[in-house]
């Protein structure tokens, strides 16, 4: 008979569907996707209302000049590793992978409750399975007994470095948005040079001028629909990431200090605005009850 004692015991933790949902993969940013579609729809729709056609602005040569010239200018102005990081960051413009503050608070409160019952060392096993690398590092430092002030300094330094990194990536798109319209003008001038070679044919000259200015449209459109808005969105992501990391630091510090989980939640609700949303709905009900009680109270006898 097989010996069951020699079989390895699998340590399976029950899956938390709520936690998996909160920490799932990235979701599409409907604001960015919808914004691009509306912008392009408005421009092309206006073109067709004026009697134009989409084929009037569908010029591969103009796109090649604008995209190639802009990318080359960016490579000259920025270090190549920064350009590569900025290209990878572009996905964050259309897909949001951040965890909501409410989900992060619930996760931290769960660790705080366990640490209060079994001590902060009881979090050592769970800390290795945390998906958020920032929270995982903070809890590991706390479990290792790192001094509270030193822990805060280390995590705040890492937060500041990451924020500066995202800001520098946003500046790459800002610089590209500055180069793109100028490259478009260069493309238009190149097109006009070709037009000048056929001045004997008026019809061909008119068509050539129309085609030449498509590069300017591409340059201005690329800058104001894609590049500059992408820089703004990356900065917004950086600011939110900064706020989320501040939330994590304050939560872990509260765990190390041994604060009550309810007190930690009240402290972290500054990032979620939880209790503020409940007050306006409750206060009017309390006032009405107080007014009803006051109306039923017997009137005081009049004194002579």
C-alpha atoms as a PDB file:
ATOM      1  CA  UNK A   1       0.000   0.000   0.000  1.00  0.00           C
ATOM      2  CA  UNK A   2       1.226   3.500  -0.744  1.00  0.00           C
ATOM      3  CA  UNK A   3       2.368   5.434   2.271  1.00  0.00           C
ATOM      4  CA  UNK A   4       0.298   8.630   2.505  1.00  0.00           C
ATOM      5  CA  UNK A   5       2.695  10.066   5.029  1.00  0.00           C
ATOM      6  CA  UNK A   6       5.456  10.353   2.443  1.00  0.00           C
ATOM      7  CA  UNK A   7       3.296  12.353   0.037  1.00  0.00           C
ATOM      8  CA  UNK A   8       4.090  16.064  -0.077  1.00  0.00           C
ATOM      9  CA  UNK A   9       1.447  18.165   1.553  1.00  0.00           C
ATOM     10  CA  UNK A  10       0.164  20.926  -0.703  1.00  0.00           C
ATOM     11  CA  UNK A  11      -0.456  24.199   1.052  1.00  0.00           C
ATOM     12  CA  UNK A  12      -3.395  25.540  -0.860  1.00  0.00           C
ATOM     13  CA  UNK A  13      -4.868  28.823   0.237  1.00  0.00           C
ATOM     14  CA  UNK A  14      -8.504  29.504  -0.561  1.00  0.00           C
ATOM     15  CA  UNK A  15      -8.751  31.891  -3.451  1.00  0.00           C
ATOM     16  CA  UNK A  16     -10.324  35.223  -2.719  1.00  0.00           C
ATOM     17  CA  UNK A  17     -12.341  36.145  -5.814  1.00  0.00           C
ATOM     18  CA  UNK A  18     -12.771  39.723  -4.642  1.00  0.00           C
ATOM     19  CA  UNK A  19      -9.032  40.198  -4.173  1.00  0.00           C
ATOM     20  CA  UNK A  20      -8.315  38.635  -7.566  1.00  0.00           C
ATOM     21  CA  UNK A  21     -10.830  40.951  -9.179  1.00  0.00           C
ATOM     22  CA  UNK A  22      -9.294  44.002  -7.533  1.00  0.00           C
ATOM     23  CA  UNK A  23      -5.747  43.005  -8.481  1.00  0.00           C
ATOM     24  CA  UNK A  24      -6.561  41.668 -11.944  1.00  0.00           C
ATOM     25  CA  UNK A  25      -4.909  42.648 -15.157  1.00  0.00           C
ATOM     26  CA  UNK A  26      -5.068  46.016 -16.811  1.00  0.00           C
ATOM     27  CA  UNK A  27      -8.382  47.292 -18.131  1.00  0.00           C
ATOM     28  CA  UNK A  28      -8.940  49.542 -21.156  1.00  0.00           C
ATOM     29  CA  UNK A  29      -8.993  53.272 -20.459  1.00  0.00           C
ATOM     30  CA  UNK A  30     -12.274  54.245 -22.093  1.00  0.00           C
ATOM     31  CA  UNK A  31     -11.493  57.948 -21.770  1.00  0.00           C
ATOM     32  CA  UNK A  32      -8.318  57.672 -23.863  1.00  0.00           C
ATOM     33  CA  UNK A  33      -9.788  55.317 -26.440  1.00  0.00           C
ATOM     34  CA  UNK A  34     -13.000  57.303 -26.734  1.00  0.00           C
ATOM     35  CA  UNK A  35     -11.087  60.579 -26.907  1.00  0.00           C
ATOM     36  CA  UNK A  36      -9.015  59.453 -29.892  1.00  0.00           C
ATOM     37  CA  UNK A  37     -12.087  58.108 -31.697  1.00  0.00           C
ATOM     38  CA  UNK A  38     -14.074  61.294 -31.091  1.00  0.00           C
ATOM     39  CA  UNK A  39     -11.179  63.510 -32.202  1.00  0.00           C
ATOM     40  CA  UNK A  40     -10.601  61.555 -35.401  1.00  0.00           C
ATOM     41  CA  UNK A  41     -14.344  61.303 -36.031  1.00  0.00           C
ATOM     42  CA  UNK A  42     -14.773  65.036 -35.625  1.00  0.00           C
ATOM     43  CA  UNK A  43     -11.899  65.889 -37.971  1.00  0.00           C
ATOM     44  CA  UNK A  44     -12.796  63.374 -40.680  1.00  0.00           C
ATOM     45  CA  UNK A  45     -16.484  64.133 -40.292  1.00  0.00           C
ATOM     46  CA  UNK A  46     -15.833  67.829 -40.814  1.00  0.00           C
ATOM     47  CA  UNK A  47     -13.747  67.013 -43.858  1.00  0.00           C
ATOM     48  CA  UNK A  48     -16.561  65.009 -45.440  1.00  0.00           C
ATOM     49  CA  UNK A  49     -19.139  67.685 -44.602  1.00  0.00           C
ATOM     50  CA  UNK A  50     -17.036  70.095 -46.619  1.00  0.00           C
ATOM     51  CA  UNK A  51     -17.173  67.742 -49.591  1.00  0.00           C
ATOM     52  CA  UNK A  52     -13.805  66.109 -49.031  1.00  0.00           C
ATOM     53  CA  UNK A  53     -12.896  62.433 -48.901  1.00  0.00           C
ATOM     54  CA  UNK A  54     -10.859  60.368 -46.465  1.00  0.00           C
ATOM     55  CA  UNK A  55      -8.530  59.486 -49.330  1.00  0.00           C
ATOM     56  CA  UNK A  56      -7.612  63.183 -49.571  1.00  0.00           C
ATOM     57  CA  UNK A  57      -5.614  62.907 -46.343  1.00  0.00           C
ATOM     58  CA  UNK A  58      -4.532  59.271 -46.678  1.00  0.00           C
ATOM     59  CA  UNK A  59      -0.945  59.867 -47.782  1.00  0.00           C
ATOM     60  CA  UNK A  60       1.645  57.243 -46.872  1.00  0.00           C
ATOM     61  CA  UNK A  61       4.517  59.523 -47.861  1.00  0.00           C
ATOM     62  CA  UNK A  62       3.383  62.295 -45.518  1.00  0.00           C
ATOM     63  CA  UNK A  63       2.954  59.819 -42.647  1.00  0.00           C
ATOM     64  CA  UNK A  64       6.426  58.401 -43.303  1.00  0.00           C
ATOM     65  CA  UNK A  65       8.013  61.871 -43.215  1.00  0.00           C
ATOM     66  CA  UNK A  66       6.229  62.970 -40.026  1.00  0.00           C
ATOM     67  CA  UNK A  67       6.630  59.748 -38.046  1.00  0.00           C
ATOM     68  CA  UNK A  68      10.218  59.154 -39.109  1.00  0.00           C
ATOM     69  CA  UNK A  69      11.313  62.749 -38.622  1.00  0.00           C
ATOM     70  CA  UNK A  70       9.633  63.038 -35.210  1.00  0.00           C
ATOM     71  CA  UNK A  71      11.090  59.779 -33.927  1.00  0.00           C
ATOM     72  CA  UNK A  72      14.545  60.741 -35.149  1.00  0.00           C
ATOM     73  CA  UNK A  73      14.363  64.103 -33.407  1.00  0.00           C
ATOM     74  CA  UNK A  74      13.291  62.398 -30.172  1.00  0.00           C
ATOM     75  CA  UNK A  75      16.234  59.995 -30.385  1.00  0.00           C
ATOM     76  CA  UNK A  76      18.607  62.952 -30.724  1.00  0.00           C
ATOM     77  CA  UNK A  77      17.132  64.872 -27.787  1.00  0.00           C
ATOM     78  CA  UNK A  78      16.675  61.961 -25.327  1.00  0.00           C
ATOM     79  CA  UNK A  79      18.895  59.068 -24.201  1.00  0.00           C
ATOM     80  CA  UNK A  80      17.972  55.791 -25.885  1.00  0.00           C
ATOM     81  CA  UNK A  81      17.103  53.943 -22.631  1.00  0.00           C
ATOM     82  CA  UNK A  82      14.658  56.739 -21.793  1.00  0.00           C
ATOM     83  CA  UNK A  83      13.104  56.523 -25.270  1.00  0.00           C
ATOM     84  CA  UNK A  84      12.635  52.759 -24.872  1.00  0.00           C
ATOM     85  CA  UNK A  85      10.996  53.217 -21.447  1.00  0.00           C
ATOM     86  CA  UNK A  86       8.728  55.916 -22.860  1.00  0.00           C
ATOM     87  CA  UNK A  87       7.624  53.605 -25.692  1.00  0.00           C
ATOM     88  CA  UNK A  88       6.777  50.890 -23.157  1.00  0.00           C
ATOM     89  CA  UNK A  89       4.889  53.436 -21.048  1.00  0.00           C
ATOM     90  CA  UNK A  90       2.654  54.322 -24.013  1.00  0.00           C
ATOM     91  CA  UNK A  91       0.507  51.278 -23.277  1.00  0.00           C
ATOM     92  CA  UNK A  92      -0.472  52.867 -19.949  1.00  0.00           C
ATOM     93  CA  UNK A  93      -2.199  55.655 -21.879  1.00  0.00           C
ATOM     94  CA  UNK A  94      -4.854  53.249 -23.183  1.00  0.00           C
ATOM     95  CA  UNK A  95      -4.774  50.547 -20.487  1.00  0.00           C
ATOM     96  CA  UNK A  96      -5.053  51.170 -16.765  1.00  0.00           C
ATOM     97  CA  UNK A  97      -3.374  48.610 -14.495  1.00  0.00           C
ATOM     98  CA  UNK A  98      -3.626  50.534 -11.220  1.00  0.00           C
ATOM     99  CA  UNK A  99      -5.497  49.130  -8.209  1.00  0.00           C
ATOM    100  CA  UNK A 100      -8.304  51.261  -6.833  1.00  0.00           C
ATOM    101  CA  UNK A 101      -7.573  52.930  -3.451  1.00  0.00           C
ATOM    102  CA  UNK A 102     -10.483  51.088  -1.840  1.00  0.00           C
ATOM    103  CA  UNK A 103      -9.051  47.711  -2.831  1.00  0.00           C
ATOM    104  CA  UNK A 104      -5.601  48.654  -1.525  1.00  0.00           C
ATOM    105  CA  UNK A 105      -7.091  49.798   1.795  1.00  0.00           C
ATOM    106  CA  UNK A 106      -8.995  46.518   2.211  1.00  0.00           C
ATOM    107  CA  UNK A 107      -5.836  44.530   1.502  1.00  0.00           C
ATOM    108  CA  UNK A 108      -3.779  46.510   4.019  1.00  0.00           C
ATOM    109  CA  UNK A 109      -6.502  46.221   6.666  1.00  0.00           C
ATOM    110  CA  UNK A 110      -6.468  42.431   6.175  1.00  0.00           C
ATOM    111  CA  UNK A 111      -2.728  42.363   6.909  1.00  0.00           C
ATOM    112  CA  UNK A 112      -3.192  44.710   9.851  1.00  0.00           C
ATOM    113  CA  UNK A 113      -5.831  42.436  11.408  1.00  0.00           C
ATOM    114  CA  UNK A 114      -3.592  39.373  11.063  1.00  0.00           C
ATOM    115  CA  UNK A 115      -0.555  41.235  12.437  1.00  0.00           C
ATOM    116  CA  UNK A 116      -2.574  42.398  15.450  1.00  0.00           C
ATOM    117  CA  UNK A 117      -3.572  38.819  16.274  1.00  0.00           C
ATOM    118  CA  UNK A 118      -0.357  36.941  15.527  1.00  0.00           C
ATOM    119  CA  UNK A 119       2.294  39.652  15.451  1.00  0.00           C
ATOM    120  CA  UNK A 120       3.898  41.252  12.429  1.00  0.00           C
ATOM    121  CA  UNK A 121       6.120  38.169  11.923  1.00  0.00           C
ATOM    122  CA  UNK A 122       2.962  36.246  10.973  1.00  0.00           C
ATOM    123  CA  UNK A 123       2.911  38.226   7.705  1.00  0.00           C
ATOM    124  CA  UNK A 124       6.233  36.788   6.514  1.00  0.00           C
ATOM    125  CA  UNK A 125       4.634  33.951   4.521  1.00  0.00           C
ATOM    126  CA  UNK A 126       1.957  36.139   2.924  1.00  0.00           C
ATOM    127  CA  UNK A 127       4.343  38.967   2.075  1.00  0.00           C
ATOM    128  CA  UNK A 128       6.089  36.827  -0.542  1.00  0.00           C
ATOM    129  CA  UNK A 129       2.834  36.337  -2.491  1.00  0.00           C
ATOM    130  CA  UNK A 130       1.811  39.999  -2.718  1.00  0.00           C
ATOM    131  CA  UNK A 131       1.499  41.098  -6.343  1.00  0.00           C
ATOM    132  CA  UNK A 132       2.239  44.768  -5.758  1.00  0.00           C
ATOM    133  CA  UNK A 133       6.071  44.955  -5.552  1.00  0.00           C
ATOM    134  CA  UNK A 134       5.989  48.200  -3.555  1.00  0.00           C
ATOM    135  CA  UNK A 135       3.669  46.795  -0.865  1.00  0.00           C
ATOM    136  CA  UNK A 136       5.605  43.517  -0.848  1.00  0.00           C
ATOM    137  CA  UNK A 137       8.895  45.315  -0.240  1.00  0.00           C
ATOM    138  CA  UNK A 138       7.414  47.522   2.480  1.00  0.00           C
ATOM    139  CA  UNK A 139       5.934  44.560   4.371  1.00  0.00           C
ATOM    140  CA  UNK A 140       9.147  42.540   4.022  1.00  0.00           C
ATOM    141  CA  UNK A 141      11.111  45.419   5.538  1.00  0.00           C
ATOM    142  CA  UNK A 142       8.573  45.637   8.354  1.00  0.00           C
ATOM    143  CA  UNK A 143       8.750  41.888   9.013  1.00  0.00           C
ATOM    144  CA  UNK A 144      12.559  42.052   9.066  1.00  0.00           C
ATOM    145  CA  UNK A 145      12.352  44.577  11.901  1.00  0.00           C
ATOM    146  CA  UNK A 146      13.589  47.616   9.984  1.00  0.00           C
ATOM    147  CA  UNK A 147      13.510  50.827  11.986  1.00  0.00           C
ATOM    148  CA  UNK A 148      10.275  52.709  11.374  1.00  0.00           C
ATOM    149  CA  UNK A 149      11.933  55.956  10.326  1.00  0.00           C
ATOM    150  CA  UNK A 150      14.385  54.121   8.086  1.00  0.00           C
ATOM    151  CA  UNK A 151      11.538  52.161   6.493  1.00  0.00           C
ATOM    152  CA  UNK A 152       9.645  55.361   5.744  1.00  0.00           C
ATOM    153  CA  UNK A 153      12.743  57.014   4.255  1.00  0.00           C
ATOM    154  CA  UNK A 154      13.504  54.039   2.017  1.00  0.00           C
ATOM    155  CA  UNK A 155       9.965  53.775   0.648  1.00  0.00           C
ATOM    156  CA  UNK A 156       9.605  57.525   0.176  1.00  0.00           C
ATOM    157  CA  UNK A 157      12.924  57.602  -1.697  1.00  0.00           C
ATOM    158  CA  UNK A 158      11.772  54.803  -3.995  1.00  0.00           C
ATOM    159  CA  UNK A 159       8.478  56.646  -4.542  1.00  0.00           C
ATOM    160  CA  UNK A 160      10.265  59.869  -5.459  1.00  0.00           C
ATOM    161  CA  UNK A 161      12.559  58.052  -7.906  1.00  0.00           C
ATOM    162  CA  UNK A 162       9.631  56.322  -9.627  1.00  0.00           C
ATOM    163  CA  UNK A 163       7.722  59.593  -9.847  1.00  0.00           C
ATOM    164  CA  UNK A 164      10.691  61.341 -11.458  1.00  0.00           C
ATOM    165  CA  UNK A 165      11.077  58.424 -13.867  1.00  0.00           C
ATOM    166  CA  UNK A 166       7.474  58.714 -15.039  1.00  0.00           C
ATOM    167  CA  UNK A 167       7.806  62.485 -15.329  1.00  0.00           C
ATOM    168  CA  UNK A 168      10.868  62.097 -17.564  1.00  0.00           C
ATOM    169  CA  UNK A 169       8.972  59.611 -19.746  1.00  0.00           C
ATOM    170  CA  UNK A 170       6.122  62.108 -20.091  1.00  0.00           C
ATOM    171  CA  UNK A 171       8.608  64.771 -21.187  1.00  0.00           C
ATOM    172  CA  UNK A 172       9.684  62.541 -24.082  1.00  0.00           C
ATOM    173  CA  UNK A 173       6.148  62.760 -25.463  1.00  0.00           C
ATOM    174  CA  UNK A 174       6.048  66.494 -24.780  1.00  0.00           C
ATOM    175  CA  UNK A 175       9.208  66.994 -26.803  1.00  0.00           C
ATOM    176  CA  UNK A 176       7.837  64.771 -29.582  1.00  0.00           C
ATOM    177  CA  UNK A 177       4.688  66.903 -29.597  1.00  0.00           C
ATOM    178  CA  UNK A 178       6.868  69.955 -30.141  1.00  0.00           C
ATOM    179  CA  UNK A 179       8.839  68.417 -33.017  1.00  0.00           C
ATOM    180  CA  UNK A 180       5.893  66.867 -34.862  1.00  0.00           C
ATOM    181  CA  UNK A 181       4.258  70.061 -36.251  1.00  0.00           C
ATOM    182  CA  UNK A 182       7.640  71.374 -37.439  1.00  0.00           C
ATOM    183  CA  UNK A 183       8.394  68.082 -39.205  1.00  0.00           C
ATOM    184  CA  UNK A 184       4.973  68.387 -40.818  1.00  0.00           C
ATOM    185  CA  UNK A 185       5.921  71.778 -42.193  1.00  0.00           C
ATOM    186  CA  UNK A 186       9.136  70.287 -43.557  1.00  0.00           C
ATOM    187  CA  UNK A 187       7.054  67.627 -45.292  1.00  0.00           C
ATOM    188  CA  UNK A 188       4.795  70.298 -46.789  1.00  0.00           C
ATOM    189  CA  UNK A 189       7.801  72.237 -48.120  1.00  0.00           C
ATOM    190  CA  UNK A 190       9.214  69.065 -49.661  1.00  0.00           C
ATOM    191  CA  UNK A 191       5.880  68.511 -51.367  1.00  0.00           C
ATOM    192  CA  UNK A 192       5.849  72.065 -52.709  1.00  0.00           C
ATOM    193  CA  UNK A 193       9.328  71.563 -54.130  1.00  0.00           C
ATOM    194  CA  UNK A 194       7.988  68.675 -56.143  1.00  0.00           C
ATOM    195  CA  UNK A 195       5.027  70.801 -57.248  1.00  0.00           C
ATOM    196  CA  UNK A 196       7.348  73.487 -58.614  1.00  0.00           C
ATOM    197  CA  UNK A 197       8.732  70.958 -61.075  1.00  0.00           C
ATOM    198  CA  UNK A 198       5.345  70.750 -62.817  1.00  0.00           C
ATOM    199  CA  UNK A 199       4.277  74.394 -63.104  1.00  0.00           C
ATOM    200  CA  UNK A 200       3.405  73.877 -66.775  1.00  0.00           C
ATOM    201  CA  UNK A 201       0.415  71.706 -65.790  1.00  0.00           C
ATOM    202  CA  UNK A 202      -2.007  73.760 -63.644  1.00  0.00           C
ATOM    203  CA  UNK A 203      -4.225  70.800 -62.727  1.00  0.00           C
ATOM    204  CA  UNK A 204      -1.277  68.800 -61.494  1.00  0.00           C
ATOM    205  CA  UNK A 205       0.003  71.811 -59.565  1.00  0.00           C
ATOM    206  CA  UNK A 206      -3.296  72.191 -57.722  1.00  0.00           C
ATOM    207  CA  UNK A 207      -3.389  68.513 -56.815  1.00  0.00           C
ATOM    208  CA  UNK A 208       0.253  68.592 -55.724  1.00  0.00           C
ATOM    209  CA  UNK A 209      -0.313  71.554 -53.384  1.00  0.00           C
ATOM    210  CA  UNK A 210      -3.261  69.791 -51.736  1.00  0.00           C
ATOM    211  CA  UNK A 211      -1.155  66.671 -51.182  1.00  0.00           C
ATOM    212  CA  UNK A 212       1.785  68.704 -49.881  1.00  0.00           C
ATOM    213  CA  UNK A 213      -0.219  70.210 -46.989  1.00  0.00           C
ATOM    214  CA  UNK A 214      -1.305  66.767 -45.771  1.00  0.00           C
ATOM    215  CA  UNK A 215       2.049  66.446 -43.989  1.00  0.00           C
ATOM    216  CA  UNK A 216       1.225  69.570 -41.963  1.00  0.00           C
ATOM    217  CA  UNK A 217      -2.123  68.038 -40.991  1.00  0.00           C
ATOM    218  CA  UNK A 218      -0.362  64.852 -39.895  1.00  0.00           C
ATOM    219  CA  UNK A 219       2.217  66.747 -37.857  1.00  0.00           C
ATOM    220  CA  UNK A 220      -0.270  68.976 -36.035  1.00  0.00           C
ATOM    221  CA  UNK A 221      -2.768  66.135 -35.577  1.00  0.00           C
ATOM    222  CA  UNK A 222      -0.155  63.723 -34.211  1.00  0.00           C
ATOM    223  CA  UNK A 223       1.018  66.322 -31.707  1.00  0.00           C
ATOM    224  CA  UNK A 224      -2.394  67.437 -30.441  1.00  0.00           C
ATOM    225  CA  UNK A 225      -4.345  64.181 -30.595  1.00  0.00           C
ATOM    226  CA  UNK A 226      -1.698  61.645 -29.527  1.00  0.00           C
ATOM    227  CA  UNK A 227       1.632  62.937 -28.226  1.00  0.00           C
ATOM    228  CA  UNK A 228       0.724  65.873 -25.975  1.00  0.00           C
ATOM    229  CA  UNK A 229      -2.385  64.173 -24.525  1.00  0.00           C
ATOM    230  CA  UNK A 230      -0.266  61.051 -23.886  1.00  0.00           C
ATOM    231  CA  UNK A 231       2.225  63.148 -21.910  1.00  0.00           C
ATOM    232  CA  UNK A 232      -0.609  64.610 -19.833  1.00  0.00           C
ATOM    233  CA  UNK A 233      -2.107  61.172 -19.164  1.00  0.00           C
ATOM    234  CA  UNK A 234       1.269  59.752 -18.087  1.00  0.00           C
ATOM    235  CA  UNK A 235       1.665  62.650 -15.651  1.00  0.00           C
ATOM    236  CA  UNK A 236      -1.797  61.924 -14.275  1.00  0.00           C
ATOM    237  CA  UNK A 237      -0.833  58.267 -13.858  1.00  0.00           C
ATOM    238  CA  UNK A 238       2.365  59.334 -12.080  1.00  0.00           C
ATOM    239  CA  UNK A 239       0.425  61.498  -9.646  1.00  0.00           C
ATOM    240  CA  UNK A 240      -2.004  58.695  -8.865  1.00  0.00           C
ATOM    241  CA  UNK A 241       0.871  56.252  -8.421  1.00  0.00           C
ATOM    242  CA  UNK A 242       2.437  58.708  -5.983  1.00  0.00           C
ATOM    243  CA  UNK A 243      -0.794  58.883  -3.982  1.00  0.00           C
ATOM    244  CA  UNK A 244      -1.176  55.095  -3.945  1.00  0.00           C
ATOM    245  CA  UNK A 245       2.372  54.633  -2.670  1.00  0.00           C
ATOM    246  CA  UNK A 246       1.799  57.215   0.041  1.00  0.00           C
ATOM    247  CA  UNK A 247      -1.280  55.220   1.059  1.00  0.00           C
ATOM    248  CA  UNK A 248       0.774  52.015   1.235  1.00  0.00           C
ATOM    249  CA  UNK A 249       3.522  53.638   3.310  1.00  0.00           C
ATOM    250  CA  UNK A 250       1.053  55.057   5.832  1.00  0.00           C
ATOM    251  CA  UNK A 251      -0.737  51.697   6.040  1.00  0.00           C
ATOM    252  CA  UNK A 252       2.452  49.705   6.645  1.00  0.00           C
ATOM    253  CA  UNK A 253       3.644  52.253   9.193  1.00  0.00           C
ATOM    254  CA  UNK A 254       0.332  51.836  11.013  1.00  0.00           C
ATOM    255  CA  UNK A 255       0.825  48.048  11.022  1.00  0.00           C
ATOM    256  CA  UNK A 256       4.344  48.401  12.445  1.00  0.00           C
ATOM    257  CA  UNK A 257       3.071  50.767  15.131  1.00  0.00           C
ATOM    258  CA  UNK A 258       0.457  48.192  16.120  1.00  0.00           C
ATOM    259  CA  UNK A 259      -2.507  50.494  15.552  1.00  0.00           C
ATOM    260  CA  UNK A 260      -6.038  49.167  15.618  1.00  0.00           C
ATOM    261  CA  UNK A 261      -7.172  48.167  12.095  1.00  0.00           C
ATOM    262  CA  UNK A 262     -10.207  50.434  12.446  1.00  0.00           C
ATOM    263  CA  UNK A 263      -7.914  53.361  13.214  1.00  0.00           C
ATOM    264  CA  UNK A 264      -5.719  52.498  10.225  1.00  0.00           C
ATOM    265  CA  UNK A 265      -8.797  52.392   7.983  1.00  0.00           C
ATOM    266  CA  UNK A 266      -9.933  55.790   9.253  1.00  0.00           C
ATOM    267  CA  UNK A 267      -6.458  57.125   8.513  1.00  0.00           C
ATOM    268  CA  UNK A 268      -6.352  55.678   4.988  1.00  0.00           C
ATOM    269  CA  UNK A 269      -9.860  56.829   4.097  1.00  0.00           C
ATOM    270  CA  UNK A 270      -8.326  60.236   3.398  1.00  0.00           C
ATOM    271  CA  UNK A 271      -7.264  58.713   0.033  1.00  0.00           C
ATOM    272  CA  UNK A 272     -10.692  57.196  -0.721  1.00  0.00           C
ATOM    273  CA  UNK A 273     -13.080  59.802   0.664  1.00  0.00           C
ATOM    274  CA  UNK A 274     -15.168  56.985   2.166  1.00  0.00           C
ATOM    275  CA  UNK A 275     -16.787  58.550   5.217  1.00  0.00           C
ATOM    276  CA  UNK A 276     -17.334  61.919   3.546  1.00  0.00           C
ATOM    277  CA  UNK A 277     -19.732  60.374   1.038  1.00  0.00           C
ATOM    278  CA  UNK A 278     -21.903  58.948   3.828  1.00  0.00           C
ATOM    279  CA  UNK A 279     -22.310  62.074   5.950  1.00  0.00           C
ATOM    280  CA  UNK A 280     -24.670  64.075   3.690  1.00  0.00           C
ATOM    281  CA  UNK A 281     -27.072  61.116   3.469  1.00  0.00           C
ATOM    282  CA  UNK A 282     -27.170  60.474   7.235  1.00  0.00           C
ATOM    283  CA  UNK A 283     -27.195  63.937   8.740  1.00  0.00           C
ATOM    284  CA  UNK A 284     -30.586  65.011   7.304  1.00  0.00           C
ATOM    285  CA  UNK A 285     -32.209  61.845   8.734  1.00  0.00           C
ATOM    286  CA  UNK A 286     -30.779  62.564  12.176  1.00  0.00           C
ATOM    287  CA  UNK A 287     -31.996  66.137  12.077  1.00  0.00           C
ATOM    288  CA  UNK A 288     -35.523  65.011  11.130  1.00  0.00           C
ATOM    289  CA  UNK A 289     -35.603  62.540  14.033  1.00  0.00           C
ATOM    290  CA  UNK A 290     -34.439  65.223  16.449  1.00  0.00           C
ATOM    291  CA  UNK A 291     -37.142  67.603  15.170  1.00  0.00           C
ATOM    292  CA  UNK A 292     -39.839  64.922  15.591  1.00  0.00           C
ATOM    293  CA  UNK A 293     -38.719  64.151  19.141  1.00  0.00           C
ATOM    294  CA  UNK A 294     -38.676  67.845  19.956  1.00  0.00           C
ATOM    295  CA  UNK A 295     -42.209  68.242  18.529  1.00  0.00           C
ATOM    296  CA  UNK A 296     -43.614  65.415  20.716  1.00  0.00           C
ATOM    297  CA  UNK A 297     -42.097  66.774  23.928  1.00  0.00           C
ATOM    298  CA  UNK A 298     -44.717  68.292  26.307  1.00  0.00           C
ATOM    299  CA  UNK A 299     -44.764  72.057  26.510  1.00  0.00           C
ATOM    300  CA  UNK A 300     -43.518  73.655  29.713  1.00  0.00           C
ATOM    301  CA  UNK A 301     -46.297  75.133  31.937  1.00  0.00           C
ATOM    302  CA  UNK A 302     -46.585  78.901  31.797  1.00  0.00           C
ATOM    303  CA  UNK A 303     -45.498  80.708  34.963  1.00  0.00           C
ATOM    304  CA  UNK A 304     -47.540  83.474  36.461  1.00  0.00           C
END
